[in-house]
Protein backbone atom coordinates (compact mmCIF):
# COMPACT_ATOMS: atom_id res chain seq x y z
CA MET A 1 -31.16 -17.15 6.96
CA LYS A 2 -28.27 -16.83 9.85
CA ASP A 3 -27.46 -14.59 12.35
CA THR A 4 -24.27 -14.17 12.70
CA LYS A 5 -23.67 -11.70 15.76
CA ASN A 6 -22.50 -14.05 17.96
CA GLU A 7 -19.42 -14.98 15.62
CA THR A 8 -16.06 -13.30 15.56
CA MET A 9 -15.46 -12.00 11.73
CA GLY A 10 -12.85 -15.46 11.19
CA MET A 11 -15.68 -17.64 11.88
CA ARG A 12 -17.90 -15.04 9.81
CA ILE A 13 -15.29 -15.94 6.75
CA ARG A 14 -14.41 -19.02 7.49
CA ASN A 15 -18.14 -19.88 7.50
CA ARG A 16 -19.31 -17.81 4.38
CA ARG A 17 -16.22 -19.37 2.69
CA ILE A 18 -17.51 -22.63 3.05
CA ALA A 19 -20.76 -22.00 1.92
CA LEU A 20 -20.00 -20.61 -0.96
CA GLY A 21 -18.22 -23.79 -1.58
CA MET A 22 -14.75 -22.11 -1.43
CA THR A 23 -11.08 -23.31 -0.26
CA GLN A 24 -8.85 -20.97 1.53
CA GLU A 25 -6.36 -21.82 -1.45
CA VAL A 26 -9.34 -20.24 -3.76
CA LEU A 27 -9.90 -17.53 -1.71
CA ALA A 28 -6.10 -16.52 -1.29
CA GLU A 29 -5.66 -16.75 -4.95
CA ARG A 30 -8.84 -14.45 -5.34
CA MET A 31 -7.39 -11.99 -2.77
CA CYS A 32 -3.59 -12.12 -4.59
CA ILE A 33 -2.36 -13.18 -0.54
CA PRO A 34 -1.11 -16.43 0.90
CA LYS A 35 -3.15 -19.18 2.17
CA VAL A 36 -1.42 -19.08 5.18
CA THR A 37 -2.88 -15.37 5.68
CA VAL A 38 -6.71 -16.81 5.39
CA SER A 39 -5.93 -19.14 7.56
CA ALA A 40 -4.36 -16.54 10.32
CA TYR A 41 -7.75 -14.34 9.56
CA GLU A 42 -9.85 -17.08 10.00
CA ASN A 43 -8.43 -17.86 13.25
CA ASP A 44 -8.31 -14.31 14.58
CA ARG A 45 -4.73 -14.27 14.46
CA ILE A 46 -4.81 -11.08 13.17
CA ASP A 47 -6.11 -7.18 12.90
CA ILE A 48 -7.34 -7.28 8.90
CA LYS A 49 -6.75 -3.85 6.90
CA ALA A 50 -9.41 -1.76 6.09
CA SER A 51 -8.93 -1.98 2.69
CA THR A 52 -9.02 -6.06 2.96
CA ILE A 53 -12.68 -6.41 4.96
CA LEU A 54 -13.23 -4.06 1.96
CA GLU A 55 -12.30 -6.93 -0.56
CA LEU A 56 -13.38 -9.53 1.79
CA SER A 57 -16.73 -8.82 1.52
CA ARG A 58 -16.35 -8.30 -2.54
CA GLN A 59 -15.05 -12.01 -2.26
CA LEU A 60 -17.53 -13.34 -0.56
CA GLY A 61 -20.38 -11.68 -0.52
CA LEU A 62 -21.79 -9.98 2.19
CA THR A 63 -21.63 -6.15 3.06
CA PRO A 64 -18.17 -5.19 4.85
CA ASN A 65 -21.27 -3.99 7.88
CA VAL A 66 -22.19 -7.81 8.33
CA LEU A 67 -18.16 -8.95 7.90
CA LEU A 68 -17.25 -6.38 10.93
CA LEU A 69 -20.12 -6.85 13.03
CA GLY A 70 -22.78 -9.87 11.96
CA GLY A 71 -26.09 -9.69 11.44
CA GLN A 72 -28.37 -11.44 8.90
CA VAL A 73 -26.74 -13.97 5.75
CA PHE A 74 -29.45 -15.06 3.68
CA ASP A 75 -29.31 -18.26 1.90
CA ASP A 76 -31.27 -17.89 -1.72
CA VAL A 77 -35.07 -18.37 0.32
CA GLY A 78 -34.41 -16.04 2.85
CA GLU A 79 -33.13 -13.63 0.55
CA SER A 80 -35.94 -13.68 -1.46
CA ALA A 81 -38.39 -13.36 1.25
CA TYR A 82 -36.05 -11.15 2.45
CA LEU A 83 -36.09 -8.52 -1.05
CA GLU A 84 -39.85 -8.55 -1.13
CA ASN A 85 -39.84 -7.30 2.10
CA VAL A 86 -37.46 -4.59 1.33
CA MET A 87 -39.60 -3.52 -1.71
CA SER A 88 -43.16 -3.43 0.36
CA MET A 89 -41.13 -1.04 2.67
CA LEU A 90 -40.08 0.72 0.14
CA ALA A 91 -43.46 1.20 -1.22
CA LYS A 92 -45.05 2.50 2.41
CA ILE A 93 -42.52 5.73 1.88
CA LYS A 94 -43.90 9.01 2.00
CA ASN A 95 -41.57 11.74 2.12
CA PRO A 96 -39.92 11.85 -1.90
CA MET A 97 -36.98 13.73 -0.66
CA ALA A 98 -35.96 9.87 1.78
CA LYS A 99 -37.05 7.98 -1.28
CA LYS A 100 -34.36 9.74 -3.89
CA ILE A 101 -32.11 9.16 -1.15
CA ILE A 102 -32.65 5.57 -0.90
CA ALA A 103 -32.66 5.24 -4.74
CA VAL A 104 -29.17 6.95 -4.75
CA GLU A 105 -27.45 5.03 -2.13
CA ILE A 106 -28.67 1.61 -3.76
CA SER A 107 -27.56 2.59 -6.85
CA ALA A 108 -23.88 3.72 -5.27
CA LEU A 109 -24.43 -0.16 -3.73
CA VAL A 110 -24.82 -1.69 -7.01
CA HIS A 111 -22.16 0.06 -8.38
CA GLU A 112 -19.52 -0.98 -5.92
CA VAL A 113 -19.94 -4.55 -6.60
């Protein structure tokens, strides 16, 4: 698990891309943009439109919030422990309406990907 709050958005893009074993060329191709644009994003030289942030987050396997604001990024081992913790917390929720709302939100996120 890595905390990315002290990184710029460009640093988060670069570090995640590298962690995924992806080159700038591959990310640019997947997003249908020039490689120089990916470089500009990674070096914080240009502002990124909201629609592009959404696409970047999809391509990099991050939530838009983590991409924008930083936060916890999990490796495979960390993610497994995190998911177990989330499941434990969900099991403790007593309010049926809260459970329903959470289920709808999770469903929406799953279908968004």
